[in-house]
Amino acid sequence: MALGDWGSRGAEEAEEAEEAGVQGRIAITHYSLLITHYSLLITHYSLLITK
């Protein structure tokens, strides 16, 4: 590996880390929306039962 290759390797690793961060944020958002979805369903049916 030549000395000049280290710069491009660092850029690739930074890009991969950024992509992993984006994927993590997408996963968190996805699960947050799922929790909200099911919470709203539970609330909806609870209100129907109490009426």
PDB file of N, CA and C in Angstrom:
ATOM      1  N   MET A   1       0.856  -1.173   0.000  1.00  0.00           N
ATOM      2  CA  MET A   1       0.000   0.000   0.000  1.00  0.00           C
ATOM      3  C   MET A   1       0.897   1.230   0.000  1.00  0.00           C
ATOM      4  N   ALA A   2       0.664   2.082  -0.931  1.00  0.00           N
ATOM      5  CA  ALA A   2       1.459   3.302  -1.036  1.00  0.00           C
ATOM      6  C   ALA A   2       0.969   4.322  -0.021  1.00  0.00           C
ATOM      7  N   LEU A   3       1.824   5.272   0.265  1.00  0.00           N
ATOM      8  CA  LEU A   3       1.493   6.300   1.250  1.00  0.00           C
ATOM      9  C   LEU A   3       0.273   7.110   0.822  1.00  0.00           C
ATOM     10  N   GLY A   4       0.107   7.356  -0.467  1.00  0.00           N
ATOM     11  CA  GLY A   4      -1.015   8.151  -0.962  1.00  0.00           C
ATOM     12  C   GLY A   4      -2.361   7.452  -0.816  1.00  0.00           C
ATOM     13  N   ASP A   5      -2.353   6.121  -0.652  1.00  0.00           N
ATOM     14  CA  ASP A   5      -3.602   5.371  -0.533  1.00  0.00           C
ATOM     15  C   ASP A   5      -4.321   5.627   0.792  1.00  0.00           C
ATOM     16  N   TRP A   6      -3.580   6.065   1.798  1.00  0.00           N
ATOM     17  CA  TRP A   6      -4.194   6.275   3.113  1.00  0.00           C
ATOM     18  C   TRP A   6      -5.267   7.354   3.074  1.00  0.00           C
ATOM     19  N   GLY A   7      -5.067   8.385   2.264  1.00  0.00           N
ATOM     20  CA  GLY A   7      -6.052   9.468   2.185  1.00  0.00           C
ATOM     21  C   GLY A   7      -7.370   8.995   1.621  1.00  0.00           C
ATOM     22  N   SER A   8      -7.324   8.210   0.560  1.00  0.00           N
ATOM     23  CA  SER A   8      -8.567   7.721  -0.037  1.00  0.00           C
ATOM     24  C   SER A   8      -9.236   6.689   0.866  1.00  0.00           C
ATOM     25  N   ARG A   9      -8.433   5.920   1.568  1.00  0.00           N
ATOM     26  CA  ARG A   9      -9.018   4.933   2.485  1.00  0.00           C
ATOM     27  C   ARG A   9      -9.749   5.629   3.628  1.00  0.00           C
ATOM     28  N   GLY A  10      -9.175   6.697   4.138  1.00  0.00           N
ATOM     29  CA  GLY A  10      -9.834   7.454   5.205  1.00  0.00           C
ATOM     30  C   GLY A  10     -11.143   8.047   4.732  1.00  0.00           C
ATOM     31  N   ALA A  11     -11.171   8.532   3.500  1.00  0.00           N
ATOM     32  CA  ALA A  11     -12.399   9.106   2.943  1.00  0.00           C
ATOM     33  C   ALA A  11     -13.463   8.023   2.783  1.00  0.00           C
ATOM     34  N   GLU A  12     -13.044   6.829   2.358  1.00  0.00           N
ATOM     35  CA  GLU A  12     -13.995   5.719   2.211  1.00  0.00           C
ATOM     36  C   GLU A  12     -14.572   5.315   3.563  1.00  0.00           C
ATOM     37  N   GLU A  13     -13.715   5.255   4.586  1.00  0.00           N
ATOM     38  CA  GLU A  13     -14.186   4.880   5.914  1.00  0.00           C
ATOM     39  C   GLU A  13     -15.133   5.932   6.474  1.00  0.00           C
ATOM     40  N   ALA A  14     -14.845   7.195   6.218  1.00  0.00           N
ATOM     41  CA  ALA A  14     -15.728   8.269   6.678  1.00  0.00           C
ATOM     42  C   ALA A  14     -17.082   8.169   5.989  1.00  0.00           C
ATOM     43  N   GLU A  15     -17.065   7.846   4.705  1.00  0.00           N
ATOM     44  CA  GLU A  15     -18.321   7.704   3.957  1.00  0.00           C
ATOM     45  C   GLU A  15     -19.128   6.516   4.479  1.00  0.00           C
ATOM     46  N   GLU A  16     -18.443   5.407   4.774  1.00  0.00           N
ATOM     47  CA  GLU A  16     -19.125   4.232   5.315  1.00  0.00           C
ATOM     48  C   GLU A  16     -19.706   4.528   6.692  1.00  0.00           C
ATOM     49  N   ALA A  17     -18.974   5.264   7.511  1.00  0.00           N
ATOM     50  CA  ALA A  17     -19.466   5.620   8.841  1.00  0.00           C
ATOM     51  C   ALA A  17     -20.680   6.525   8.737  1.00  0.00           C
ATOM     52  N   GLU A  18     -20.647   7.458   7.797  1.00  0.00           N
ATOM     53  CA  GLU A  18     -21.790   8.354   7.601  1.00  0.00           C
ATOM     54  C   GLU A  18     -23.011   7.557   7.144  1.00  0.00           C
ATOM     55  N   GLU A  19     -22.795   6.613   6.234  1.00  0.00           N
ATOM     56  CA  GLU A  19     -23.901   5.786   5.746  1.00  0.00           C
ATOM     57  C   GLU A  19     -24.486   4.953   6.881  1.00  0.00           C
ATOM     58  N   ALA A  20     -23.627   4.421   7.742  1.00  0.00           N
ATOM     59  CA  ALA A  20     -24.106   3.643   8.887  1.00  0.00           C
ATOM     60  C   ALA A  20     -24.919   4.525   9.824  1.00  0.00           C
ATOM     61  N   GLY A  21     -24.498   5.771   9.997  1.00  0.00           N
ATOM     62  CA  GLY A  21     -25.251   6.701  10.834  1.00  0.00           C
ATOM     63  C   GLY A  21     -26.620   6.989  10.261  1.00  0.00           C
ATOM     64  N   VAL A  22     -26.679   7.153   8.951  1.00  0.00           N
ATOM     65  CA  VAL A  22     -27.965   7.400   8.289  1.00  0.00           C
ATOM     66  C   VAL A  22     -28.867   6.182   8.447  1.00  0.00           C
ATOM     67  N   GLN A  23     -28.321   4.997   8.256  1.00  0.00           N
ATOM     68  CA  GLN A  23     -29.110   3.772   8.406  1.00  0.00           C
ATOM     69  C   GLN A  23     -29.632   3.642   9.838  1.00  0.00           C
ATOM     70  N   GLY A  24     -28.813   4.019  10.803  1.00  0.00           N
ATOM     71  CA  GLY A  24     -29.239   3.972  12.203  1.00  0.00           C
ATOM     72  C   GLY A  24     -30.391   4.920  12.473  1.00  0.00           C
ATOM     73  N   ARG A  25     -30.298   6.128  11.920  1.00  0.00           N
ATOM     74  CA  ARG A  25     -31.382   7.105  12.110  1.00  0.00           C
ATOM     75  C   ARG A  25     -32.662   6.629  11.436  1.00  0.00           C
ATOM     76  N   ILE A  26     -32.527   6.008  10.272  1.00  0.00           N
ATOM     77  CA  ILE A  26     -33.705   5.472   9.578  1.00  0.00           C
ATOM     78  C   ILE A  26     -34.357   4.376  10.422  1.00  0.00           C
ATOM     79  N   ALA A  27     -33.542   3.500  10.996  1.00  0.00           N
ATOM     80  CA  ALA A  27     -34.079   2.410  11.820  1.00  0.00           C
ATOM     81  C   ALA A  27     -34.798   2.960  13.049  1.00  0.00           C
ATOM     82  N   ILE A  28     -34.211   3.952  13.707  1.00  0.00           N
ATOM     83  CA  ILE A  28     -34.840   4.553  14.888  1.00  0.00           C
ATOM     84  C   ILE A  28     -36.169   5.190  14.509  1.00  0.00           C
ATOM     85  N   THR A  29     -36.186   5.927  13.399  1.00  0.00           N
ATOM     86  CA  THR A  29     -37.427   6.558  12.940  1.00  0.00           C
ATOM     87  C   THR A  29     -38.475   5.504  12.619  1.00  0.00           C
ATOM     88  N   HIS A  30     -38.059   4.444  11.961  1.00  0.00           N
ATOM     89  CA  HIS A  30     -38.971   3.359  11.587  1.00  0.00           C
ATOM     90  C   HIS A  30     -39.636   2.761  12.828  1.00  0.00           C
ATOM     91  N   TYR A  31     -38.830   2.418  13.829  1.00  0.00           N
ATOM     92  CA  TYR A  31     -39.393   1.807  15.029  1.00  0.00           C
ATOM     93  C   TYR A  31     -40.215   2.802  15.836  1.00  0.00           C
ATOM     94  N   SER A  32     -39.843   4.062  15.830  1.00  0.00           N
ATOM     95  CA  SER A  32     -40.649   5.084  16.506  1.00  0.00           C
ATOM     96  C   SER A  32     -42.026   5.190  15.863  1.00  0.00           C
ATOM     97  N   LEU A  33     -42.057   5.148  14.538  1.00  0.00           N
ATOM     98  CA  LEU A  33     -43.343   5.203  13.837  1.00  0.00           C
ATOM     99  C   LEU A  33     -44.184   3.958  14.110  1.00  0.00           C
ATOM    100  N   LEU A  34     -43.545   2.801  14.191  1.00  0.00           N
ATOM    101  CA  LEU A  34     -44.288   1.581  14.516  1.00  0.00           C
ATOM    102  C   LEU A  34     -44.906   1.667  15.905  1.00  0.00           C
ATOM    103  N   ILE A  35     -44.128   2.142  16.872  1.00  0.00           N
ATOM    104  CA  ILE A  35     -44.637   2.287  18.237  1.00  0.00           C
ATOM    105  C   ILE A  35     -45.806   3.261  18.262  1.00  0.00           C
ATOM    106  N   THR A  36     -45.663   4.384  17.566  1.00  0.00           N
ATOM    107  CA  THR A  36     -46.743   5.370  17.505  1.00  0.00           C
ATOM    108  C   THR A  36     -47.981   4.769  16.861  1.00  0.00           C
ATOM    109  N   HIS A  37     -47.784   4.037  15.793  1.00  0.00           N
ATOM    110  CA  HIS A  37     -48.894   3.411  15.074  1.00  0.00           C
ATOM    111  C   HIS A  37     -49.693   2.495  16.001  1.00  0.00           C
ATOM    112  N   TYR A  38     -48.995   1.601  16.691  1.00  0.00           N
ATOM    113  CA  TYR A  38     -49.695   0.664  17.564  1.00  0.00           C
ATOM    114  C   TYR A  38     -50.268   1.352  18.796  1.00  0.00           C
ATOM    115  N   SER A  39     -49.626   2.387  19.285  1.00  0.00           N
ATOM    116  CA  SER A  39     -50.179   3.144  20.408  1.00  0.00           C
ATOM    117  C   SER A  39     -51.494   3.796  20.014  1.00  0.00           C
ATOM    118  N   LEU A  40     -51.541   4.341  18.803  1.00  0.00           N
ATOM    119  CA  LEU A  40     -52.779   4.963  18.333  1.00  0.00           C
ATOM    120  C   LEU A  40     -53.886   3.932  18.148  1.00  0.00           C
ATOM    121  N   LEU A  41     -53.531   2.746  17.667  1.00  0.00           N
ATOM    122  CA  LEU A  41     -54.537   1.684  17.533  1.00  0.00           C
ATOM    123  C   LEU A  41     -55.104   1.292  18.887  1.00  0.00           C
ATOM    124  N   ILE A  42     -54.233   1.140  19.868  1.00  0.00           N
ATOM    125  CA  ILE A  42     -54.684   0.766  21.215  1.00  0.00           C
ATOM    126  C   ILE A  42     -55.595   1.856  21.776  1.00  0.00           C
ATOM    127  N   THR A  43     -55.197   3.110  21.612  1.00  0.00           N
ATOM    128  CA  THR A  43     -56.018   4.224  22.089  1.00  0.00           C
ATOM    129  C   THR A  43     -57.359   4.246  21.378  1.00  0.00           C
ATOM    130  N   HIS A  44     -57.343   4.047  20.092  1.00  0.00           N
ATOM    131  CA  HIS A  44     -58.571   4.059  19.297  1.00  0.00           C
ATOM    132  C   HIS A  44     -59.547   2.990  19.790  1.00  0.00           C
ATOM    133  N   TYR A  45     -59.058   1.765  19.935  1.00  0.00           N
ATOM    134  CA  TYR A  45     -59.938   0.688  20.368  1.00  0.00           C
ATOM    135  C   TYR A  45     -60.354   0.845  21.821  1.00  0.00           C
ATOM    136  N   SER A  46     -59.500   1.419  22.655  1.00  0.00           N
ATOM    137  CA  SER A  46     -59.877   1.690  24.043  1.00  0.00           C
ATOM    138  C   SER A  46     -61.029   2.676  24.096  1.00  0.00           C
ATOM    139  N   LEU A  47     -60.971   3.690  23.255  1.00  0.00           N
ATOM    140  CA  LEU A  47     -62.048   4.680  23.214  1.00  0.00           C
ATOM    141  C   LEU A  47     -63.339   4.065  22.690  1.00  0.00           C
ATOM    142  N   LEU A  48     -63.240   3.167  21.728  1.00  0.00           N
ATOM    143  CA  LEU A  48     -64.438   2.502  21.209  1.00  0.00           C
ATOM    144  C   LEU A  48     -65.103   1.643  22.276  1.00  0.00           C
ATOM    145  N   ILE A  49     -64.297   0.978  23.072  1.00  0.00           N
ATOM    146  CA  ILE A  49     -64.831   0.094  24.108  1.00  0.00           C
ATOM    147  C   ILE A  49     -65.510   0.909  25.212  1.00  0.00           C
ATOM    148  N   THR A  50     -64.952   2.056  25.560  1.00  0.00           N
ATOM    149  CA  THR A  50     -65.493   2.853  26.663  1.00  0.00           C
ATOM    150  C   THR A  50     -66.729   3.645  26.273  1.00  0.00           C
ATOM    151  N   LYS A  51     -67.014   3.758  24.990  1.00  0.00           N
ATOM    152  CA  LYS A  51     -68.200   4.528  24.568  1.00  0.00           C
ATOM    153  C   LYS A  51     -69.465   3.738  24.745  1.00  0.00           C
TER     154      LYS A  51
END
